[in-house]
Protein backbone atom coordinates (compact mmCIF):
# COMPACT_ATOMS: atom_id res chain seq x y z
CA UNK A 1 4.30 -13.36 -14.54
CA UNK A 2 5.81 -12.33 -11.22
CA UNK A 3 9.59 -12.69 -11.43
CA UNK A 4 11.70 -12.82 -8.30
CA UNK A 5 15.09 -11.16 -8.36
CA UNK A 6 17.30 -11.74 -5.36
CA UNK A 7 20.36 -9.69 -4.50
CA UNK A 8 22.55 -9.76 -1.46
CA UNK A 9 23.02 -6.41 0.22
CA UNK A 10 24.75 -5.40 3.37
CA UNK A 11 23.17 -7.29 6.23
CA UNK A 12 19.99 -8.55 4.61
CA UNK A 13 18.92 -10.46 1.54
CA UNK A 14 16.66 -8.33 -0.65
CA UNK A 15 13.83 -9.77 -2.72
CA UNK A 16 12.33 -7.65 -5.48
CA UNK A 17 9.12 -8.87 -7.04
CA UNK A 18 8.97 -7.85 -10.67
CA UNK A 19 5.45 -7.75 -12.06
CA UNK A 20 3.85 -7.85 -8.63
CA UNK A 21 1.51 -4.94 -9.37
CA UNK A 22 1.06 -5.51 -13.11
CA UNK A 23 -2.63 -6.46 -13.00
CA UNK A 24 -3.54 -3.51 -10.77
CA UNK A 25 -1.36 -1.12 -12.76
CA UNK A 26 -2.97 -2.20 -16.03
CA UNK A 27 -6.39 -1.29 -14.61
CA UNK A 28 -5.14 1.96 -13.07
CA UNK A 29 -3.48 3.03 -16.31
CA UNK A 30 -6.70 2.35 -18.22
CA UNK A 31 -8.69 4.23 -15.58
CA UNK A 32 -6.42 7.24 -16.03
CA UNK A 33 -6.85 7.33 -19.80
CA UNK A 34 -4.48 4.73 -21.26
CA UNK A 35 -5.62 2.10 -23.75
CA UNK A 36 -7.47 -0.98 -22.38
CA UNK A 37 -4.37 -3.16 -22.80
CA UNK A 38 -1.26 -1.03 -22.20
CA UNK A 39 2.09 -2.15 -23.54
CA UNK A 40 3.90 -4.60 -21.29
CA UNK A 41 7.03 -2.44 -21.18
CA UNK A 42 4.93 0.51 -19.94
CA UNK A 43 3.50 -1.67 -17.20
CA UNK A 44 7.02 -2.88 -16.32
CA UNK A 45 8.26 0.70 -15.99
CA UNK A 46 5.31 1.65 -13.80
CA UNK A 47 5.84 -1.49 -11.72
CA UNK A 48 9.49 -0.54 -11.17
CA UNK A 49 8.46 2.98 -10.14
CA UNK A 50 5.86 1.70 -7.66
CA UNK A 51 8.28 -0.81 -6.10
CA UNK A 52 11.00 1.85 -5.86
CA UNK A 53 8.60 4.32 -4.23
CA UNK A 54 7.30 1.82 -1.69
CA UNK A 55 10.84 0.69 -0.87
CA UNK A 56 12.02 4.28 -0.45
CA UNK A 57 9.08 5.19 1.80
CA UNK A 58 9.65 2.13 3.97
CA UNK A 59 13.36 2.89 4.29
CA UNK A 60 12.62 6.49 5.28
CA UNK A 61 10.03 5.39 7.84
CA UNK A 62 12.49 2.84 9.17
CA UNK A 63 15.08 5.59 9.54
CA UNK A 64 12.62 7.66 11.55
CA UNK A 65 11.84 4.67 13.78
CA UNK A 66 15.50 3.73 14.19
CA UNK A 67 15.69 4.57 17.91
CA UNK A 68 12.49 2.65 18.67
CA UNK A 69 13.25 -0.36 16.51
CA UNK A 70 9.65 -0.67 15.31
CA UNK A 71 8.01 1.13 12.39
CA UNK A 72 4.60 2.63 13.15
CA UNK A 73 1.97 4.43 11.11
CA UNK A 74 3.10 7.72 12.66
CA UNK A 75 6.53 7.23 11.07
CA UNK A 76 4.97 7.18 7.61
CA UNK A 77 2.94 10.27 8.50
CA UNK A 78 6.14 11.99 9.60
CA UNK A 79 7.87 11.08 6.32
CA UNK A 80 4.91 12.46 4.35
CA UNK A 81 4.57 15.67 6.42
CA UNK A 82 5.83 17.85 3.55
CA UNK A 83 3.42 16.37 0.98
CA UNK A 84 -0.01 17.69 1.99
CA UNK A 85 -2.01 15.64 -0.54
CA UNK A 86 -0.46 12.30 0.37
CA UNK A 87 -0.63 13.04 4.09
CA UNK A 88 -4.30 13.99 3.81
CA UNK A 89 -5.01 10.75 1.94
CA UNK A 90 -3.21 8.68 4.58
CA UNK A 91 -5.17 10.39 7.34
CA UNK A 92 -8.44 9.86 5.44
CA UNK A 93 -7.72 6.15 5.00
CA UNK A 94 -6.78 5.79 8.67
CA UNK A 95 -9.99 7.54 9.71
CA UNK A 96 -12.09 5.33 7.44
CA UNK A 97 -10.35 2.21 8.70
CA UNK A 98 -11.10 3.18 12.29
CA UNK A 99 -14.69 4.04 11.34
CA UNK A 100 -15.18 0.62 9.72
CA UNK A 101 -13.66 -1.10 12.77
CA UNK A 102 -16.08 0.75 15.08
CA UNK A 103 -19.03 -0.10 12.82
CA UNK A 104 -18.12 -3.79 12.87
CA UNK A 105 -17.92 -3.73 16.66
CA UNK A 106 -21.32 -2.07 16.95
CA UNK A 107 -23.11 -4.90 15.12
CA UNK A 108 -24.67 -7.39 17.48
CA UNK A 109 -24.44 -10.93 16.06
CA UNK A 110 -27.81 -11.88 17.65
CA UNK A 111 -29.57 -9.03 15.84
CA UNK A 112 -28.04 -10.12 12.54
CA UNK A 113 -29.26 -13.73 13.01
CA UNK A 114 -32.78 -12.52 13.90
CA UNK A 115 -32.93 -10.37 10.77
CA UNK A 116 -31.89 -13.33 8.59
CA UNK A 117 -34.65 -15.56 10.01
CA UNK A 118 -37.48 -13.16 9.10
């Protein structure tokens, strides 16, 4: 169902994946009150919007990181600085990711093996 559309732009070949998020969007649309099986054209429109938004955010973050040459998480935070809700969500996800990483490091593999044997 995922259709690749390739276009040549200045400098780099662009690849747009149509239908890439269709399964997830179908579930999200249902979760937000749509019918269990939304119309395929509605999903296609939402898919286009999501791809456009992600592309735009990446281009803006790349513009911020232009002098460095490498995009970092802080660049996305800078781009979202005027949208308090999205910035708060990004910071929450970053915090939770770090928290999970620390929790994984705190587990001792020997303790886990001993617990499984009993």
